[in-house]
C-alpha atoms as a PDB file:
ATOM      1  CA  MET A   1      19.372   0.832   8.858  1.00  0.00           C
ATOM      2  CA  LYS A   2      16.152   2.858   8.740  1.00  0.00           C
ATOM      3  CA  ASN A   3      17.347   4.765   5.654  1.00  0.00           C
ATOM      4  CA  LEU A   4      18.332   1.520   3.945  1.00  0.00           C
ATOM      5  CA  LEU A   5      14.832   0.144   4.516  1.00  0.00           C
ATOM      6  CA  LYS A   6      13.297   3.346   3.160  1.00  0.00           C
ATOM      7  CA  LEU A   7      15.496   3.067   0.076  1.00  0.00           C
ATOM      8  CA  GLU A   8      14.325  -0.510  -0.417  1.00  0.00           C
ATOM      9  CA  GLU A   9      10.683   0.586  -0.152  1.00  0.00           C
ATOM     10  CA  LEU A  10      11.339   3.447  -2.573  1.00  0.00           C
ATOM     11  CA  PHE A  11      12.740   0.944  -5.077  1.00  0.00           C
ATOM     12  CA  MET A  12       9.636  -1.253  -4.688  1.00  0.00           C
ATOM     13  CA  PHE A  13       7.418   1.789  -5.242  1.00  0.00           C
ATOM     14  CA  GLY A  14       9.385   2.648  -8.382  1.00  0.00           C
ATOM     15  CA  PHE A  15       9.123  -0.949  -9.564  1.00  0.00           C
ATOM     16  CA  THR A  16       5.319  -0.761  -9.415  1.00  0.00           C
ATOM     17  CA  ILE A  17       5.467   2.341 -11.614  1.00  0.00           C
ATOM     18  CA  PHE A  18       7.669   0.453 -14.077  1.00  0.00           C
ATOM     19  CA  LEU A  19       5.247  -2.502 -14.120  1.00  0.00           C
ATOM     20  CA  PHE A  20       2.341  -0.086 -14.561  1.00  0.00           C
ATOM     21  CA  THR A  21       3.938   1.206 -17.781  1.00  0.00           C
ATOM     22  CA  LYS A  22       3.617  -2.326 -19.180  1.00  0.00           C
ATOM     23  CA  LEU A  23      -0.170  -2.227 -18.777  1.00  0.00           C
ATOM     24  CA  ASP A  24      -2.583  -0.634 -21.254  1.00  0.00           C
ATOM     25  CA  PHE A  25      -3.816   2.223 -19.065  1.00  0.00           C
ATOM     26  CA  ALA A  26      -3.394   5.973 -19.479  1.00  0.00           C
ATOM     27  CA  TRP A  27      -0.601   7.360 -17.279  1.00  0.00           C
ATOM     28  CA  TRP A  28      -3.000   9.336 -15.087  1.00  0.00           C
ATOM     29  CA  TRP A  29      -4.660   6.211 -13.663  1.00  0.00           C
ATOM     30  CA  TYR A  30      -1.691   5.497 -11.391  1.00  0.00           C
ATOM     31  CA  PRO A  31      -1.631   8.842  -9.529  1.00  0.00           C
ATOM     32  CA  VAL A  32      -5.439   9.026  -9.418  1.00  0.00           C
ATOM     33  CA  LEU A  33      -5.759   5.593  -7.793  1.00  0.00           C
ATOM     34  CA  LEU A  34      -2.643   5.743  -5.614  1.00  0.00           C
ATOM     35  CA  LEU A  35      -4.402   7.017  -2.479  1.00  0.00           C
ATOM     36  CA  THR A  36      -7.513   4.824  -2.751  1.00  0.00           C
ATOM     37  CA  PRO A  37      -6.139   2.195  -0.308  1.00  0.00           C
ATOM     38  CA  ASP A  38      -6.389   4.856   2.405  1.00  0.00           C
ATOM     39  CA  PHE A  39     -10.171   4.489   2.318  1.00  0.00           C
ATOM     40  CA  SER A  40      -9.455   1.497   4.558  1.00  0.00           C
ATOM     41  CA  MET A  41      -9.008   4.000   7.400  1.00  0.00           C
ATOM     42  CA  ILE A  42     -12.780   4.362   7.519  1.00  0.00           C
ATOM     43  CA  GLY A  43     -12.778   1.516  10.045  1.00  0.00           C
ATOM     44  CA  TYR A  44     -11.362   3.974  12.567  1.00  0.00           C
ATOM     45  CA  LEU A  45     -14.816   5.580  12.671  1.00  0.00           C
ATOM     46  CA  VAL A  46     -15.999   2.416  14.437  1.00  0.00           C
ATOM     47  CA  SER A  47     -13.005   1.738  16.704  1.00  0.00           C
ATOM     48  CA  SER A  48      -9.234   1.694  16.682  1.00  0.00           C
ATOM     49  CA  GLN A  49      -9.279  -2.127  16.626  1.00  0.00           C
ATOM     50  CA  ILE A  50     -11.497  -2.341  13.540  1.00  0.00           C
ATOM     51  CA  GLY A  51      -9.620   0.542  11.932  1.00  0.00           C
ATOM     52  CA  ALA A  52      -6.271  -1.162  12.474  1.00  0.00           C
ATOM     53  CA  ALA A  53      -7.617  -4.462  11.148  1.00  0.00           C
ATOM     54  CA  THR A  54      -9.039  -2.954   7.947  1.00  0.00           C
ATOM     55  CA  TYR A  55      -6.008  -0.724   7.416  1.00  0.00           C
ATOM     56  CA  ASN A  56      -3.541  -3.579   7.963  1.00  0.00           C
ATOM     57  CA  PHE A  57      -5.444  -5.935   5.675  1.00  0.00           C
ATOM     58  CA  VAL A  58      -5.466  -3.459   2.774  1.00  0.00           C
ATOM     59  CA  HIS A  59      -1.871  -2.327   3.401  1.00  0.00           C
ATOM     60  CA  HIS A  60      -0.412  -5.824   3.693  1.00  0.00           C
ATOM     61  CA  LYS A  61       1.896  -6.313   0.731  1.00  0.00           C
ATOM     62  CA  ALA A  62       0.850  -9.942   0.261  1.00  0.00           C
ATOM     63  CA  LEU A  63      -2.631  -8.719  -0.712  1.00  0.00           C
ATOM     64  CA  GLY A  64      -1.214  -6.541  -3.490  1.00  0.00           C
ATOM     65  CA  ILE A  65       1.081  -9.291  -4.727  1.00  0.00           C
ATOM     66  CA  GLY A  66      -1.734 -11.846  -4.618  1.00  0.00           C
ATOM     67  CA  ILE A  67      -4.137  -9.662  -6.587  1.00  0.00           C
ATOM     68  CA  PHE A  68      -1.430  -8.820  -9.130  1.00  0.00           C
ATOM     69  CA  VAL A  69      -0.566 -12.503  -9.630  1.00  0.00           C
ATOM     70  CA  LEU A  70      -4.260 -13.379  -9.906  1.00  0.00           C
ATOM     71  CA  GLY A  71      -4.528 -10.688 -12.576  1.00  0.00           C
ATOM     72  CA  ILE A  72      -1.661 -12.298 -14.485  1.00  0.00           C
ATOM     73  CA  ALA A  73      -3.211 -15.768 -14.162  1.00  0.00           C
ATOM     74  CA  LEU A  74      -6.586 -14.506 -15.389  1.00  0.00           C
ATOM     75  CA  ALA A  75      -5.055 -12.155 -17.976  1.00  0.00           C
ATOM     76  CA  SER A  76      -6.943  -9.311 -16.289  1.00  0.00           C
ATOM     77  CA  GLN A  77      -5.186  -5.962 -16.504  1.00  0.00           C
ATOM     78  CA  PRO A  78      -7.643  -4.285 -14.083  1.00  0.00           C
ATOM     79  CA  LEU A  79      -6.701  -6.877 -11.424  1.00  0.00           C
ATOM     80  CA  GLN A  80      -3.018  -6.362 -12.200  1.00  0.00           C
ATOM     81  CA  LEU A  81      -3.523  -2.615 -11.792  1.00  0.00           C
ATOM     82  CA  ALA A  82      -5.312  -3.102  -8.461  1.00  0.00           C
ATOM     83  CA  GLY A  83      -2.449  -5.263  -7.198  1.00  0.00           C
ATOM     84  CA  LEU A  84       0.152  -2.712  -8.295  1.00  0.00           C
ATOM     85  CA  ILE A  85      -1.754   0.129  -6.643  1.00  0.00           C
ATOM     86  CA  LEU A  86      -2.062  -1.774  -3.354  1.00  0.00           C
ATOM     87  CA  PHE A  87       1.589  -2.807  -3.333  1.00  0.00           C
ATOM     88  CA  GLY A  88       2.882   0.567  -4.523  1.00  0.00           C
ATOM     89  CA  HIS A  89       0.785   2.482  -2.020  1.00  0.00           C
ATOM     90  CA  SER A  90       2.017   0.312   0.835  1.00  0.00           C
ATOM     91  CA  SER A  91       5.628   0.886  -0.208  1.00  0.00           C
ATOM     92  CA  MET A  92       5.038   4.637  -0.515  1.00  0.00           C
ATOM     93  CA  ASP A  93       3.482   4.702   2.956  1.00  0.00           C
ATOM     94  CA  ARG A  94       6.492   2.939   4.452  1.00  0.00           C
ATOM     95  CA  VAL A  95       8.886   5.399   2.789  1.00  0.00           C
ATOM     96  CA  LEU A  96       6.900   8.166   4.498  1.00  0.00           C
ATOM     97  CA  GLY A  97       6.970   6.379   7.858  1.00  0.00           C
ATOM     98  CA  TYR A  98       3.411   5.031   7.887  1.00  0.00           C
ATOM     99  CA  GLY A  99       3.545   1.390   8.834  1.00  0.00           C
ATOM    100  CA  LEU A 100       1.057  -1.274   9.782  1.00  0.00           C
ATOM    101  CA  LYS A 101      -1.036  -0.208  12.755  1.00  0.00           C
ATOM    102  CA  HIS A 102      -1.137  -1.501  16.299  1.00  0.00           C
ATOM    103  CA  PHE A 103      -4.617  -1.771  17.783  1.00  0.00           C
ATOM    104  CA  ASP A 104      -4.224   0.970  20.406  1.00  0.00           C
ATOM    105  CA  SER A 105      -3.969   4.027  18.128  1.00  0.00           C
ATOM    106  CA  PHE A 106      -3.503   5.138  14.533  1.00  0.00           C
ATOM    107  CA  GLN A 107      -0.151   6.746  15.360  1.00  0.00           C
ATOM    108  CA  HIS A 108       1.348   3.525  16.767  1.00  0.00           C
ATOM    109  CA  THR A 109       2.836   1.590  13.826  1.00  0.00           C
ATOM    110  CA  HIS A 110       5.307  -1.229  13.325  1.00  0.00           C
ATOM    111  CA  LEU A 111       7.788   1.473  12.267  1.00  0.00           C
ATOM    112  CA  GLY A 112       7.328   3.423  15.503  1.00  0.00           C
ATOM    113  CA  MET A 113       5.131   6.356  16.429  1.00  0.00           C
ATOM    114  CA  ILE A 114       4.021   8.619  13.600  1.00  0.00           C
ATOM    115  CA  GLY A 115       5.346  12.127  14.155  1.00  0.00           C
ATOM    116  CA  LYS A 116       8.116  11.045  16.530  1.00  0.00           C
ATOM    117  CA  ALA A 117      11.791  11.116  15.569  1.00  0.00           C
END
């Protein structure tokens, strides 16, 4: 089941790349921006609770979808790009085993412990 879920996330990641090709941005914008959602980890400098809250907010797929749809409604390609980056990054993270965080530690995710088989 875990591999099936990873395959699903991989497809979603690929779909964001496909949608990105429909926007009027140079190809290099996608890989350059792909890791920017990880700046949300800065909350961990304050505490694991604040870090988990900021990380989970930015990595929640509904945020990416919402920003992308808002970009469509406003005919704003930068907003569409932001939504695709957020959604694509979250899917990529889940393929790699990085899930939404529990409040006790960065390694404790909804997918299990990071680094544990």
